[in-house]
């Protein structure tokens, strides 16, 4: 795209950041970040979330937290990405603190907490979260 003079879009940048996070390829992700800044798209919530997710998946939770803290407009996806990042790093106290602050949660948020606790060997905490999900589903008539 770049060689052909086609400017990358928000979708292109977010897709590449996602790939960098899965590989992990932090150097390439940082190069993409530089391109995002130069393009003037850094204020885009989707790109900010993709960037924090990439950092978290690469184990750079402090960088992910910085991006998260600087986001003026967070949604359930950005909150969940931060929770999942802390959980993946085994930082369950931090994951729980962010989880408890979330204005809304979805099934991915809850799953990140259960999996994080289970992967950290905190089975009773995982069970507590699971039971809380169950209670909420019953209260809302979803079971």
N, C-alpha and C. Protein backbone atom coordinates (compact mmCIF):
# COMPACT_ATOMS: atom_id res chain seq x y z
N UNK A 1 0.83 -1.19 0.00
CA UNK A 1 0.00 0.00 0.00
C UNK A 1 0.87 1.25 0.00
N UNK A 2 1.81 1.27 0.94
CA UNK A 2 2.68 2.44 1.09
C UNK A 2 3.47 2.71 -0.19
N UNK A 3 4.01 1.66 -0.78
CA UNK A 3 4.81 1.80 -2.00
C UNK A 3 3.97 2.28 -3.17
N UNK A 4 2.68 1.97 -3.16
CA UNK A 4 1.78 2.38 -4.24
C UNK A 4 1.11 3.72 -3.98
N UNK A 5 1.49 4.38 -2.88
CA UNK A 5 0.93 5.69 -2.58
C UNK A 5 -0.45 5.67 -1.99
N UNK A 6 -0.89 4.51 -1.52
CA UNK A 6 -2.22 4.39 -0.90
C UNK A 6 -2.05 4.58 0.61
N UNK A 7 -2.67 5.62 1.16
CA UNK A 7 -2.51 5.84 2.61
C UNK A 7 -3.25 4.77 3.41
N UNK A 8 -2.63 4.31 4.48
CA UNK A 8 -3.30 3.30 5.31
C UNK A 8 -4.50 3.91 6.04
N UNK A 9 -5.48 3.09 6.27
CA UNK A 9 -6.70 3.52 6.95
C UNK A 9 -6.66 3.08 8.41
N UNK A 10 -7.66 3.50 9.15
CA UNK A 10 -7.82 3.06 10.53
C UNK A 10 -7.90 1.54 10.58
N UNK A 11 -8.65 0.96 9.67
CA UNK A 11 -8.78 -0.50 9.61
C UNK A 11 -7.44 -1.16 9.36
N UNK A 12 -6.66 -0.63 8.43
CA UNK A 12 -5.34 -1.19 8.12
C UNK A 12 -4.44 -1.15 9.35
N UNK A 13 -4.37 0.02 9.98
CA UNK A 13 -3.51 0.16 11.16
C UNK A 13 -3.95 -0.78 12.28
N UNK A 14 -5.25 -0.86 12.54
CA UNK A 14 -5.71 -1.71 13.65
C UNK A 14 -5.45 -3.18 13.35
N UNK A 15 -5.60 -3.58 12.09
CA UNK A 15 -5.32 -4.97 11.71
C UNK A 15 -3.86 -5.32 11.89
N UNK A 16 -2.98 -4.42 11.49
CA UNK A 16 -1.54 -4.67 11.61
C UNK A 16 -1.13 -4.69 13.09
N UNK A 17 -1.68 -3.78 13.89
CA UNK A 17 -1.37 -3.80 15.33
C UNK A 17 -1.83 -5.10 15.97
N UNK A 18 -3.01 -5.57 15.59
CA UNK A 18 -3.53 -6.82 16.11
C UNK A 18 -2.59 -7.98 15.77
N UNK A 19 -2.11 -8.00 14.54
CA UNK A 19 -1.18 -9.04 14.12
C UNK A 19 0.12 -8.95 14.91
N UNK A 20 0.62 -7.74 15.10
CA UNK A 20 1.85 -7.55 15.88
C UNK A 20 1.68 -8.08 17.30
N UNK A 21 0.51 -7.89 17.88
CA UNK A 21 0.24 -8.39 19.23
C UNK A 21 0.19 -9.90 19.29
N UNK A 22 -0.36 -10.52 18.26
CA UNK A 22 -0.47 -11.98 18.25
C UNK A 22 0.87 -12.66 18.02
N UNK A 23 1.79 -12.03 17.31
CA UNK A 23 3.03 -12.71 16.93
C UNK A 23 3.99 -13.03 18.09
N UNK A 24 4.38 -12.32 19.00
CA UNK A 24 4.41 -10.88 19.16
C UNK A 24 5.56 -10.24 18.37
N UNK A 25 5.31 -9.03 17.91
CA UNK A 25 6.29 -8.29 17.12
C UNK A 25 6.28 -6.84 17.59
N UNK A 26 6.90 -6.60 18.73
CA UNK A 26 6.82 -5.28 19.37
C UNK A 26 7.53 -4.21 18.56
N UNK A 27 8.68 -4.52 17.96
CA UNK A 27 9.40 -3.50 17.19
C UNK A 27 8.55 -3.03 16.02
N UNK A 28 7.94 -3.96 15.32
CA UNK A 28 7.08 -3.61 14.21
C UNK A 28 5.85 -2.84 14.69
N UNK A 29 5.33 -3.23 15.83
CA UNK A 29 4.19 -2.52 16.41
C UNK A 29 4.54 -1.08 16.74
N UNK A 30 5.74 -0.87 17.25
CA UNK A 30 6.18 0.50 17.56
C UNK A 30 6.37 1.31 16.28
N UNK A 31 6.81 0.66 15.21
CA UNK A 31 6.93 1.35 13.92
C UNK A 31 5.54 1.77 13.41
N UNK A 32 4.57 0.89 13.60
CA UNK A 32 3.19 1.22 13.19
C UNK A 32 2.67 2.38 14.03
N UNK A 33 2.97 2.36 15.32
CA UNK A 33 2.57 3.46 16.20
C UNK A 33 3.12 4.79 15.66
N UNK A 34 4.38 4.80 15.28
CA UNK A 34 4.98 6.02 14.71
C UNK A 34 4.23 6.48 13.47
N UNK A 35 3.84 5.53 12.63
CA UNK A 35 3.08 5.87 11.41
C UNK A 35 1.70 6.43 11.77
N UNK A 36 1.09 5.87 12.80
CA UNK A 36 -0.22 6.37 13.24
C UNK A 36 -0.10 7.82 13.70
N UNK A 37 0.94 8.09 14.49
CA UNK A 37 1.16 9.46 14.97
C UNK A 37 1.33 10.40 13.78
N UNK A 38 2.16 10.01 12.81
CA UNK A 38 2.42 10.85 11.64
C UNK A 38 1.16 11.05 10.80
N UNK A 39 0.28 10.07 10.81
CA UNK A 39 -0.95 10.16 10.01
C UNK A 39 -2.01 11.04 10.66
N UNK A 40 -1.82 11.35 11.95
CA UNK A 40 -2.80 12.16 12.66
C UNK A 40 -4.00 11.39 13.16
N UNK A 41 -3.91 10.07 13.17
CA UNK A 41 -5.05 9.23 13.57
C UNK A 41 -4.98 8.72 15.02
N UNK A 42 -4.00 9.19 15.77
CA UNK A 42 -3.81 8.65 17.12
C UNK A 42 -5.01 8.88 18.04
N UNK A 43 -5.83 9.88 17.76
CA UNK A 43 -6.98 10.14 18.63
C UNK A 43 -8.14 9.19 18.37
N UNK A 44 -8.00 8.30 17.41
CA UNK A 44 -9.06 7.34 17.09
C UNK A 44 -9.15 6.26 18.16
N UNK A 45 -10.34 6.07 18.74
CA UNK A 45 -10.53 5.11 19.83
C UNK A 45 -10.20 3.68 19.41
N UNK A 46 -10.54 3.31 18.20
CA UNK A 46 -10.24 1.95 17.71
C UNK A 46 -8.73 1.73 17.66
N UNK A 47 -8.01 2.72 17.16
CA UNK A 47 -6.54 2.59 17.09
C UNK A 47 -5.90 2.62 18.47
N UNK A 48 -6.43 3.44 19.36
CA UNK A 48 -5.90 3.47 20.72
C UNK A 48 -6.09 2.11 21.39
N UNK A 49 -7.26 1.52 21.20
CA UNK A 49 -7.53 0.21 21.79
C UNK A 49 -6.64 -0.85 21.16
N UNK A 50 -6.46 -0.81 19.85
CA UNK A 50 -5.58 -1.76 19.18
C UNK A 50 -4.15 -1.62 19.67
N UNK A 51 -3.73 -0.39 19.91
CA UNK A 51 -2.37 -0.14 20.41
C UNK A 51 -2.20 -0.68 21.82
N UNK A 52 -3.15 -0.40 22.69
CA UNK A 52 -3.02 -0.91 24.07
C UNK A 52 -3.09 -2.42 24.09
N UNK A 53 -3.91 -3.01 23.25
CA UNK A 53 -4.00 -4.47 23.17
C UNK A 53 -2.69 -5.07 22.66
N UNK A 54 -2.08 -4.43 21.67
CA UNK A 54 -0.80 -4.91 21.14
C UNK A 54 0.26 -4.87 22.23
N UNK A 55 0.34 -3.75 22.95
CA UNK A 55 1.31 -3.66 24.04
C UNK A 55 1.07 -4.74 25.09
N UNK A 56 -0.17 -4.91 25.48
CA UNK A 56 -0.51 -5.90 26.51
C UNK A 56 -0.16 -7.31 26.05
N UNK A 57 -0.50 -7.66 24.82
CA UNK A 57 -0.20 -8.99 24.31
C UNK A 57 1.30 -9.25 24.21
N UNK A 58 2.06 -8.18 24.02
CA UNK A 58 3.52 -8.30 23.95
C UNK A 58 4.17 -8.24 25.33
N UNK A 59 3.36 -8.16 26.38
CA UNK A 59 3.88 -8.15 27.74
C UNK A 59 4.29 -6.78 28.25
N UNK A 60 3.98 -5.74 27.52
CA UNK A 60 4.33 -4.38 27.93
C UNK A 60 3.12 -3.71 28.58
N UNK A 61 2.74 -4.23 29.75
CA UNK A 61 1.50 -3.77 30.39
C UNK A 61 1.61 -2.33 30.86
N UNK A 62 2.81 -1.87 31.20
CA UNK A 62 2.94 -0.46 31.60
C UNK A 62 2.64 0.46 30.42
N UNK A 63 3.12 0.10 29.24
CA UNK A 63 2.81 0.88 28.04
C UNK A 63 1.33 0.81 27.72
N UNK A 64 0.75 -0.38 27.87
CA UNK A 64 -0.69 -0.54 27.63
C UNK A 64 -1.47 0.34 28.60
N UNK A 65 -1.07 0.33 29.86
CA UNK A 65 -1.78 1.13 30.87
C UNK A 65 -1.65 2.62 30.57
N UNK A 66 -0.49 3.04 30.08
CA UNK A 66 -0.31 4.44 29.72
C UNK A 66 -1.30 4.84 28.62
N UNK A 67 -1.38 4.02 27.58
CA UNK A 67 -2.32 4.31 26.49
C UNK A 67 -3.75 4.36 27.03
N UNK A 68 -4.09 3.37 27.85
CA UNK A 68 -5.43 3.30 28.45
C UNK A 68 -5.73 4.56 29.26
N UNK A 69 -4.79 4.95 30.10
CA UNK A 69 -5.01 6.13 30.96
C UNK A 69 -5.15 7.41 30.15
N UNK A 70 -4.52 7.47 28.98
CA UNK A 70 -4.58 8.66 28.13
C UNK A 70 -5.82 8.70 27.23
N UNK A 71 -6.56 7.60 27.19
CA UNK A 71 -7.75 7.56 26.33
C UNK A 71 -8.88 8.40 26.95
N UNK A 72 -9.34 9.43 26.23
CA UNK A 72 -10.42 10.23 26.78
C UNK A 72 -11.79 9.55 26.68
N UNK A 73 -11.91 8.60 25.75
CA UNK A 73 -13.19 7.96 25.51
C UNK A 73 -12.98 6.45 25.43
N UNK A 74 -13.28 5.76 26.52
CA UNK A 74 -13.11 4.30 26.57
C UNK A 74 -14.47 3.63 26.41
N UNK A 75 -14.44 2.46 25.77
CA UNK A 75 -15.65 1.66 25.67
C UNK A 75 -15.37 0.29 26.30
N UNK A 76 -16.35 -0.59 26.25
CA UNK A 76 -16.19 -1.90 26.88
C UNK A 76 -15.03 -2.68 26.26
N UNK A 77 -14.74 -2.44 24.98
CA UNK A 77 -13.64 -3.14 24.32
C UNK A 77 -12.30 -2.68 24.88
N UNK A 78 -12.12 -1.38 25.05
CA UNK A 78 -10.85 -0.89 25.59
C UNK A 78 -10.67 -1.30 27.04
N UNK A 79 -11.73 -1.23 27.84
CA UNK A 79 -11.65 -1.68 29.23
C UNK A 79 -11.28 -3.17 29.29
N UNK A 80 -11.93 -3.96 28.46
CA UNK A 80 -11.68 -5.39 28.45
C UNK A 80 -10.26 -5.70 28.00
N UNK A 81 -9.76 -4.97 27.02
CA UNK A 81 -8.38 -5.18 26.56
C UNK A 81 -7.39 -4.94 27.71
N UNK A 82 -7.67 -3.94 28.53
CA UNK A 82 -6.78 -3.66 29.65
C UNK A 82 -6.88 -4.75 30.71
N UNK A 83 -8.08 -5.19 31.01
CA UNK A 83 -8.28 -6.29 31.97
C UNK A 83 -7.56 -7.53 31.48
N UNK A 84 -7.76 -7.87 30.22
CA UNK A 84 -7.14 -9.07 29.65
C UNK A 84 -5.61 -8.96 29.64
N UNK A 85 -5.10 -7.77 29.39
CA UNK A 85 -3.66 -7.56 29.40
C UNK A 85 -3.06 -7.81 30.77
N UNK A 86 -3.68 -7.26 31.80
CA UNK A 86 -3.21 -7.51 33.17
C UNK A 86 -3.34 -8.98 33.51
N UNK A 87 -4.46 -9.59 33.15
CA UNK A 87 -4.69 -11.00 33.47
C UNK A 87 -3.65 -11.89 32.79
N UNK A 88 -3.36 -11.61 31.53
CA UNK A 88 -2.37 -12.41 30.79
C UNK A 88 -1.00 -12.31 31.44
N UNK A 89 -0.69 -11.14 31.99
CA UNK A 89 0.60 -10.93 32.65
C UNK A 89 0.62 -11.49 34.07
N UNK A 90 -0.53 -12.03 34.52
CA UNK A 90 -0.61 -12.58 35.87
C UNK A 90 -0.78 -11.53 36.94
N UNK A 91 -1.12 -10.32 36.54
CA UNK A 91 -1.30 -9.20 37.48
C UNK A 91 -2.78 -9.09 37.85
N UNK A 92 -3.24 -10.09 38.59
CA UNK A 92 -4.67 -10.20 38.84
C UNK A 92 -5.22 -9.11 39.76
N UNK A 93 -4.42 -8.57 40.65
CA UNK A 93 -4.91 -7.45 41.47
C UNK A 93 -5.20 -6.24 40.59
N UNK A 94 -4.30 -5.98 39.64
CA UNK A 94 -4.51 -4.87 38.71
C UNK A 94 -5.70 -5.15 37.80
N UNK A 95 -5.79 -6.40 37.31
CA UNK A 95 -6.92 -6.77 36.45
C UNK A 95 -8.23 -6.58 37.21
N UNK A 96 -8.28 -7.01 38.44
CA UNK A 96 -9.50 -6.89 39.24
C UNK A 96 -9.86 -5.44 39.51
N UNK A 97 -8.84 -4.62 39.77
CA UNK A 97 -9.09 -3.20 40.03
C UNK A 97 -9.74 -2.54 38.80
N UNK A 98 -9.19 -2.81 37.62
CA UNK A 98 -9.76 -2.25 36.39
C UNK A 98 -11.15 -2.84 36.14
N UNK A 99 -11.29 -4.15 36.33
CA UNK A 99 -12.58 -4.82 36.15
C UNK A 99 -13.65 -4.20 37.05
N UNK A 100 -13.29 -3.95 38.29
CA UNK A 100 -14.26 -3.36 39.24
C UNK A 100 -14.63 -1.93 38.86
N UNK A 101 -13.76 -1.23 38.15
CA UNK A 101 -14.03 0.14 37.73
C UNK A 101 -14.83 0.22 36.42
N UNK A 102 -14.95 -0.89 35.72
CA UNK A 102 -15.61 -0.87 34.42
C UNK A 102 -17.05 -0.40 34.53
N UNK A 103 -17.44 0.55 33.69
CA UNK A 103 -18.84 1.00 33.72
C UNK A 103 -19.82 -0.05 33.19
N UNK A 104 -19.34 -0.88 32.28
CA UNK A 104 -20.15 -2.01 31.78
C UNK A 104 -19.22 -3.16 31.45
N UNK A 105 -19.77 -4.36 31.51
CA UNK A 105 -18.98 -5.56 31.22
C UNK A 105 -19.71 -6.39 30.19
N UNK A 106 -18.93 -7.21 29.48
CA UNK A 106 -19.54 -8.16 28.56
C UNK A 106 -18.97 -9.55 28.83
N UNK A 107 -19.38 -10.51 28.07
CA UNK A 107 -18.95 -11.88 28.30
C UNK A 107 -17.43 -12.02 28.18
N UNK A 108 -16.81 -11.23 27.32
CA UNK A 108 -15.36 -11.29 27.16
C UNK A 108 -14.66 -10.76 28.42
N UNK A 109 -15.21 -9.71 29.01
CA UNK A 109 -14.65 -9.15 30.25
C UNK A 109 -14.67 -10.19 31.37
N UNK A 110 -15.83 -10.80 31.53
CA UNK A 110 -15.98 -11.81 32.58
C UNK A 110 -15.05 -13.01 32.32
N UNK A 111 -14.97 -13.43 31.07
CA UNK A 111 -14.14 -14.57 30.72
C UNK A 111 -12.67 -14.27 30.97
N UNK A 112 -12.24 -13.05 30.67
CA UNK A 112 -10.85 -12.66 30.92
C UNK A 112 -10.51 -12.80 32.40
N UNK A 113 -11.44 -12.42 33.25
CA UNK A 113 -11.19 -12.52 34.70
C UNK A 113 -11.15 -13.98 35.15
N UNK A 114 -12.11 -14.77 34.72
CA UNK A 114 -12.13 -16.19 35.10
C UNK A 114 -10.86 -16.88 34.63
N UNK A 115 -10.50 -16.67 33.36
CA UNK A 115 -9.30 -17.30 32.81
C UNK A 115 -8.04 -16.80 33.50
N UNK A 116 -7.98 -15.52 33.77
CA UNK A 116 -6.82 -14.96 34.46
C UNK A 116 -6.60 -15.57 35.82
N UNK A 117 -7.68 -15.65 36.60
CA UNK A 117 -7.57 -16.28 37.92
C UNK A 117 -7.20 -17.76 37.79
N UNK A 118 -7.83 -18.45 36.89
CA UNK A 118 -7.54 -19.88 36.71
C UNK A 118 -6.09 -20.10 36.28
N UNK A 119 -5.62 -19.30 35.34
CA UNK A 119 -4.23 -19.43 34.87
C UNK A 119 -3.22 -19.05 35.94
N UNK A 120 -3.62 -18.21 36.89
CA UNK A 120 -2.74 -17.82 37.99
C UNK A 120 -2.82 -18.79 39.15
N UNK A 121 -3.64 -19.83 39.01
CA UNK A 121 -3.78 -20.82 40.07
C UNK A 121 -4.72 -20.39 41.17
N UNK A 122 -5.45 -19.30 40.97
CA UNK A 122 -6.39 -18.80 41.97
C UNK A 122 -7.79 -19.34 41.64
N UNK A 123 -7.94 -20.63 41.86
CA UNK A 123 -9.17 -21.32 41.46
C UNK A 123 -10.38 -20.81 42.22
N UNK A 124 -10.22 -20.52 43.50
CA UNK A 124 -11.38 -20.04 44.27
C UNK A 124 -11.84 -18.67 43.77
N UNK A 125 -10.91 -17.80 43.40
CA UNK A 125 -11.28 -16.49 42.85
C UNK A 125 -11.95 -16.67 41.49
N UNK A 126 -11.45 -17.61 40.69
CA UNK A 126 -12.09 -17.89 39.39
C UNK A 126 -13.52 -18.37 39.61
N UNK A 127 -13.69 -19.22 40.58
CA UNK A 127 -15.03 -19.75 40.89
C UNK A 127 -15.97 -18.64 41.38
N UNK A 128 -15.43 -17.72 42.18
CA UNK A 128 -16.23 -16.59 42.66
C UNK A 128 -16.77 -15.76 41.50
N UNK A 129 -15.89 -15.45 40.55
CA UNK A 129 -16.30 -14.67 39.38
C UNK A 129 -17.32 -15.46 38.57
N UNK A 130 -17.07 -16.74 38.37
CA UNK A 130 -18.00 -17.58 37.62
C UNK A 130 -19.36 -17.60 38.30
N UNK A 131 -19.38 -17.76 39.62
CA UNK A 131 -20.65 -17.77 40.35
C UNK A 131 -21.36 -16.43 40.24
N UNK A 132 -20.59 -15.34 40.22
CA UNK A 132 -21.20 -14.01 40.08
C UNK A 132 -21.85 -13.86 38.71
N UNK A 133 -21.21 -14.38 37.69
CA UNK A 133 -21.80 -14.37 36.34
C UNK A 133 -23.12 -15.13 36.37
N UNK A 134 -23.10 -16.29 36.96
CA UNK A 134 -24.28 -17.15 37.04
C UNK A 134 -25.43 -16.42 37.73
N UNK A 135 -25.13 -15.77 38.87
CA UNK A 135 -26.16 -15.03 39.61
C UNK A 135 -26.74 -13.90 38.76
N UNK A 136 -25.88 -13.16 38.08
CA UNK A 136 -26.34 -12.04 37.25
C UNK A 136 -27.22 -12.54 36.11
N UNK A 137 -26.85 -13.66 35.52
CA UNK A 137 -27.65 -14.21 34.43
C UNK A 137 -29.02 -14.63 34.95
N UNK A 138 -29.06 -15.24 36.12
CA UNK A 138 -30.34 -15.64 36.70
C UNK A 138 -31.21 -14.43 37.01
N UNK A 139 -30.60 -13.38 37.57
CA UNK A 139 -31.34 -12.17 37.91
C UNK A 139 -31.94 -11.49 36.68
N UNK A 140 -31.26 -11.61 35.56
CA UNK A 140 -31.73 -10.97 34.33
C UNK A 140 -32.56 -11.94 33.46
N UNK A 141 -32.88 -13.10 34.01
CA UNK A 141 -33.72 -14.04 33.29
C UNK A 141 -33.06 -14.67 32.08
N UNK A 142 -31.76 -14.76 32.08
CA UNK A 142 -31.03 -15.32 30.94
C UNK A 142 -30.81 -16.82 31.07
N UNK A 143 -31.22 -17.39 32.19
CA UNK A 143 -31.10 -18.84 32.39
C UNK A 143 -32.46 -19.46 32.60
